[in-house]
């Protein structure tokens, strides 16, 4: 499930900028395992620090006028959900599964993929791409191509 904030109005940007500054001061001294306690209309709300950091990031993006999307996923994904997450077609994802690049299991006739495995594959792919790009840049510099 995804929630999107597409267009941030000027007033929202200003409010977001002020809010993110306050949140950064609050979370700056907190330990990673600490919850952050807010007082709202006389009621204490204990919020996990990770959630506050996520809110801080959302507000930071809004303050810059960017669109923001927050998505939540199950631990186990359908092939279409996994393909959407990787931004590839479902048939391409099925090839990745069948060649063993991403582990999966079958539930009846359907394939199921663990979110953790999809993230591992995506991370490995990004590392491979970055490594190849770094190599190309080094070679271009050695050849004096102006990069």
C-alpha atoms as a PDB file:
ATOM      1  CA  UNK A   1       0.000   0.000   0.000  1.00  0.00           C
ATOM      2  CA  UNK A   2       1.416   3.405  -0.964  1.00  0.00           C
ATOM      3  CA  UNK A   3       0.543   6.896   0.198  1.00  0.00           C
ATOM      4  CA  UNK A   4       1.651   9.820  -1.953  1.00  0.00           C
ATOM      5  CA  UNK A   5       1.940  13.537  -1.278  1.00  0.00           C
ATOM      6  CA  UNK A   6       2.180  14.933  -4.801  1.00  0.00           C
ATOM      7  CA  UNK A   7       2.200  18.698  -4.584  1.00  0.00           C
ATOM      8  CA  UNK A   8       3.304  20.675  -1.579  1.00  0.00           C
ATOM      9  CA  UNK A   9       1.855  24.173  -1.278  1.00  0.00           C
ATOM     10  CA  UNK A  10       4.056  27.102  -0.148  1.00  0.00           C
ATOM     11  CA  UNK A  11       2.457  27.216   3.333  1.00  0.00           C
ATOM     12  CA  UNK A  12       2.953  23.461   3.746  1.00  0.00           C
ATOM     13  CA  UNK A  13       6.602  23.845   2.710  1.00  0.00           C
ATOM     14  CA  UNK A  14       7.109  26.560   5.323  1.00  0.00           C
ATOM     15  CA  UNK A  15       5.397  24.508   8.052  1.00  0.00           C
ATOM     16  CA  UNK A  16       7.380  21.411   7.056  1.00  0.00           C
ATOM     17  CA  UNK A  17      10.662  23.350   7.189  1.00  0.00           C
ATOM     18  CA  UNK A  18       9.907  24.609  10.708  1.00  0.00           C
ATOM     19  CA  UNK A  19       8.776  21.160  11.865  1.00  0.00           C
ATOM     20  CA  UNK A  20      11.815  19.350  10.510  1.00  0.00           C
ATOM     21  CA  UNK A  21      14.136  21.805  12.291  1.00  0.00           C
ATOM     22  CA  UNK A  22      12.388  21.093  15.604  1.00  0.00           C
ATOM     23  CA  UNK A  23      12.440  17.327  15.017  1.00  0.00           C
ATOM     24  CA  UNK A  24      16.166  17.398  14.211  1.00  0.00           C
ATOM     25  CA  UNK A  25      16.845  19.150  17.514  1.00  0.00           C
ATOM     26  CA  UNK A  26      14.719  16.597  19.364  1.00  0.00           C
ATOM     27  CA  UNK A  27      16.218  13.506  17.715  1.00  0.00           C
ATOM     28  CA  UNK A  28      19.797  14.820  17.647  1.00  0.00           C
ATOM     29  CA  UNK A  29      20.517  13.811  21.242  1.00  0.00           C
ATOM     30  CA  UNK A  30      18.383  10.688  21.375  1.00  0.00           C
ATOM     31  CA  UNK A  31      19.950   7.249  21.423  1.00  0.00           C
ATOM     32  CA  UNK A  32      19.002   4.964  18.501  1.00  0.00           C
ATOM     33  CA  UNK A  33      16.937   2.656  20.733  1.00  0.00           C
ATOM     34  CA  UNK A  34      15.069   5.519  22.468  1.00  0.00           C
ATOM     35  CA  UNK A  35      11.488   6.377  21.729  1.00  0.00           C
ATOM     36  CA  UNK A  36      10.597  10.041  21.388  1.00  0.00           C
ATOM     37  CA  UNK A  37       7.830  11.261  23.682  1.00  0.00           C
ATOM     38  CA  UNK A  38       5.570  14.060  22.472  1.00  0.00           C
ATOM     39  CA  UNK A  39       2.993  15.957  24.535  1.00  0.00           C
ATOM     40  CA  UNK A  40      -0.096  16.608  22.430  1.00  0.00           C
ATOM     41  CA  UNK A  41      -3.087  18.308  24.034  1.00  0.00           C
ATOM     42  CA  UNK A  42      -2.123  16.978  27.466  1.00  0.00           C
ATOM     43  CA  UNK A  43      -1.569  13.427  26.249  1.00  0.00           C
ATOM     44  CA  UNK A  44       1.852  11.767  26.033  1.00  0.00           C
ATOM     45  CA  UNK A  45       2.609   9.897  22.826  1.00  0.00           C
ATOM     46  CA  UNK A  46       5.654   7.624  22.695  1.00  0.00           C
ATOM     47  CA  UNK A  47       6.835   7.247  19.091  1.00  0.00           C
ATOM     48  CA  UNK A  48       9.608   4.861  18.003  1.00  0.00           C
ATOM     49  CA  UNK A  49      12.713   6.820  16.972  1.00  0.00           C
ATOM     50  CA  UNK A  50      12.727   5.163  13.533  1.00  0.00           C
ATOM     51  CA  UNK A  51       9.207   6.477  12.895  1.00  0.00           C
ATOM     52  CA  UNK A  52      10.261   9.980  13.966  1.00  0.00           C
ATOM     53  CA  UNK A  53      13.267   9.814  11.618  1.00  0.00           C
ATOM     54  CA  UNK A  54      10.927   8.754   8.801  1.00  0.00           C
ATOM     55  CA  UNK A  55       8.625  11.676   9.583  1.00  0.00           C
ATOM     56  CA  UNK A  56      11.675  13.948   9.626  1.00  0.00           C
ATOM     57  CA  UNK A  57      12.648  12.717   6.136  1.00  0.00           C
ATOM     58  CA  UNK A  58       9.102  13.222   4.803  1.00  0.00           C
ATOM     59  CA  UNK A  59       8.991  16.765   6.193  1.00  0.00           C
ATOM     60  CA  UNK A  60      12.443  17.511   4.775  1.00  0.00           C
ATOM     61  CA  UNK A  61      11.298  16.454   1.294  1.00  0.00           C
ATOM     62  CA  UNK A  62       8.060  18.434   1.632  1.00  0.00           C
ATOM     63  CA  UNK A  63      10.022  21.515   2.729  1.00  0.00           C
ATOM     64  CA  UNK A  64      11.931  21.300  -0.569  1.00  0.00           C
ATOM     65  CA  UNK A  65       8.649  21.007  -2.511  1.00  0.00           C
ATOM     66  CA  UNK A  66       9.232  17.405  -3.575  1.00  0.00           C
ATOM     67  CA  UNK A  67       6.617  14.698  -3.935  1.00  0.00           C
ATOM     68  CA  UNK A  68       6.788  11.989  -1.281  1.00  0.00           C
ATOM     69  CA  UNK A  69       5.599   8.401  -1.376  1.00  0.00           C
ATOM     70  CA  UNK A  70       5.560   5.995   1.533  1.00  0.00           C
ATOM     71  CA  UNK A  71       4.919   2.341   0.770  1.00  0.00           C
ATOM     72  CA  UNK A  72       4.434  -0.610   3.054  1.00  0.00           C
ATOM     73  CA  UNK A  73       4.972  -4.198   1.997  1.00  0.00           C
ATOM     74  CA  UNK A  74       4.222  -7.617   3.415  1.00  0.00           C
ATOM     75  CA  UNK A  75       7.135  -9.882   4.257  1.00  0.00           C
ATOM     76  CA  UNK A  76       6.015 -12.089   1.402  1.00  0.00           C
ATOM     77  CA  UNK A  77       5.275 -10.639  -2.047  1.00  0.00           C
ATOM     78  CA  UNK A  78       3.496 -11.797  -5.165  1.00  0.00           C
ATOM     79  CA  UNK A  79       5.538 -11.764  -8.363  1.00  0.00           C
ATOM     80  CA  UNK A  80       3.752  -8.582  -9.481  1.00  0.00           C
ATOM     81  CA  UNK A  81       4.486  -6.802  -6.192  1.00  0.00           C
ATOM     82  CA  UNK A  82       8.148  -7.847  -6.368  1.00  0.00           C
ATOM     83  CA  UNK A  83       8.377  -6.716  -9.999  1.00  0.00           C
ATOM     84  CA  UNK A  84       6.823  -3.357  -9.106  1.00  0.00           C
ATOM     85  CA  UNK A  85       9.291  -2.911  -6.259  1.00  0.00           C
ATOM     86  CA  UNK A  86      12.253  -3.610  -8.573  1.00  0.00           C
ATOM     87  CA  UNK A  87      10.639  -1.564 -11.372  1.00  0.00           C
ATOM     88  CA  UNK A  88      10.859  -4.439 -13.840  1.00  0.00           C
ATOM     89  CA  UNK A  89       8.223  -6.390 -15.749  1.00  0.00           C
ATOM     90  CA  UNK A  90       6.630  -9.433 -14.137  1.00  0.00           C
ATOM     91  CA  UNK A  91       7.957 -11.763 -16.897  1.00  0.00           C
ATOM     92  CA  UNK A  92      11.494 -10.454 -16.252  1.00  0.00           C
ATOM     93  CA  UNK A  93      11.072 -11.072 -12.527  1.00  0.00           C
ATOM     94  CA  UNK A  94       9.864 -14.623 -13.226  1.00  0.00           C
ATOM     95  CA  UNK A  95      13.067 -15.203 -15.256  1.00  0.00           C
ATOM     96  CA  UNK A  96      15.113 -13.959 -12.279  1.00  0.00           C
ATOM     97  CA  UNK A  97      13.251 -16.410 -10.049  1.00  0.00           C
ATOM     98  CA  UNK A  98      13.587 -19.362 -12.405  1.00  0.00           C
ATOM     99  CA  UNK A  99      17.319 -18.764 -12.950  1.00  0.00           C
ATOM    100  CA  UNK A 100      17.851 -18.709  -9.174  1.00  0.00           C
ATOM    101  CA  UNK A 101      18.916 -15.077  -8.902  1.00  0.00           C
ATOM    102  CA  UNK A 102      16.130 -14.473  -6.400  1.00  0.00           C
ATOM    103  CA  UNK A 103      14.858 -17.315  -4.200  1.00  0.00           C
ATOM    104  CA  UNK A 104      11.128 -18.047  -4.112  1.00  0.00           C
ATOM    105  CA  UNK A 105       8.653 -20.636  -2.971  1.00  0.00           C
ATOM    106  CA  UNK A 106       5.463 -21.917  -4.506  1.00  0.00           C
ATOM    107  CA  UNK A 107       2.136 -21.698  -2.728  1.00  0.00           C
ATOM    108  CA  UNK A 108      -0.151 -23.797  -4.881  1.00  0.00           C
ATOM    109  CA  UNK A 109       0.370 -22.556  -8.444  1.00  0.00           C
ATOM    110  CA  UNK A 110       1.616 -19.138  -7.280  1.00  0.00           C
ATOM    111  CA  UNK A 111       5.178 -18.008  -6.627  1.00  0.00           C
ATOM    112  CA  UNK A 112       5.916 -16.048  -3.452  1.00  0.00           C
ATOM    113  CA  UNK A 113       9.037 -13.969  -2.886  1.00  0.00           C
ATOM    114  CA  UNK A 114      10.371 -12.710   0.431  1.00  0.00           C
ATOM    115  CA  UNK A 115      10.727  -8.932   0.643  1.00  0.00           C
ATOM    116  CA  UNK A 116      14.142  -9.447   2.235  1.00  0.00           C
ATOM    117  CA  UNK A 117      15.336 -11.438  -0.816  1.00  0.00           C
ATOM    118  CA  UNK A 118      14.072  -8.788  -3.239  1.00  0.00           C
ATOM    119  CA  UNK A 119      15.904  -6.084  -1.267  1.00  0.00           C
ATOM    120  CA  UNK A 120      19.108  -8.173  -1.227  1.00  0.00           C
ATOM    121  CA  UNK A 121      18.941  -8.626  -5.004  1.00  0.00           C
ATOM    122  CA  UNK A 122      18.284  -4.901  -5.533  1.00  0.00           C
ATOM    123  CA  UNK A 123      21.206  -3.973  -3.274  1.00  0.00           C
ATOM    124  CA  UNK A 124      23.554  -6.400  -5.039  1.00  0.00           C
ATOM    125  CA  UNK A 125      22.462  -5.063  -8.427  1.00  0.00           C
ATOM    126  CA  UNK A 126      23.112  -1.471  -7.320  1.00  0.00           C
ATOM    127  CA  UNK A 127      26.578  -2.411  -6.031  1.00  0.00           C
ATOM    128  CA  UNK A 128      27.396  -4.143  -9.320  1.00  0.00           C
ATOM    129  CA  UNK A 129      26.215  -1.129 -11.335  1.00  0.00           C
ATOM    130  CA  UNK A 130      28.158   1.336  -9.179  1.00  0.00           C
ATOM    131  CA  UNK A 131      31.298  -0.786  -9.439  1.00  0.00           C
ATOM    132  CA  UNK A 132      31.010  -0.944 -13.238  1.00  0.00           C
ATOM    133  CA  UNK A 133      30.400   2.809 -13.460  1.00  0.00           C
ATOM    134  CA  UNK A 134      33.409   3.522 -11.233  1.00  0.00           C
ATOM    135  CA  UNK A 135      35.534   1.345 -13.507  1.00  0.00           C
ATOM    136  CA  UNK A 136      34.293   3.177 -16.609  1.00  0.00           C
ATOM    137  CA  UNK A 137      35.029   6.558 -15.031  1.00  0.00           C
ATOM    138  CA  UNK A 138      38.581   5.474 -14.094  1.00  0.00           C
ATOM    139  CA  UNK A 139      39.216   4.189 -17.622  1.00  0.00           C
ATOM    140  CA  UNK A 140      37.820   7.381 -19.178  1.00  0.00           C
ATOM    141  CA  UNK A 141      40.055   9.505 -16.930  1.00  0.00           C
ATOM    142  CA  UNK A 142      43.107   7.395 -17.749  1.00  0.00           C
ATOM    143  CA  UNK A 143      42.370   7.848 -21.457  1.00  0.00           C
ATOM    144  CA  UNK A 144      41.951  11.605 -20.992  1.00  0.00           C
ATOM    145  CA  UNK A 145      38.386  11.694 -22.289  1.00  0.00           C
ATOM    146  CA  UNK A 146      37.487  14.657 -20.099  1.00  0.00           C
ATOM    147  CA  UNK A 147      35.278  12.879 -17.564  1.00  0.00           C
END
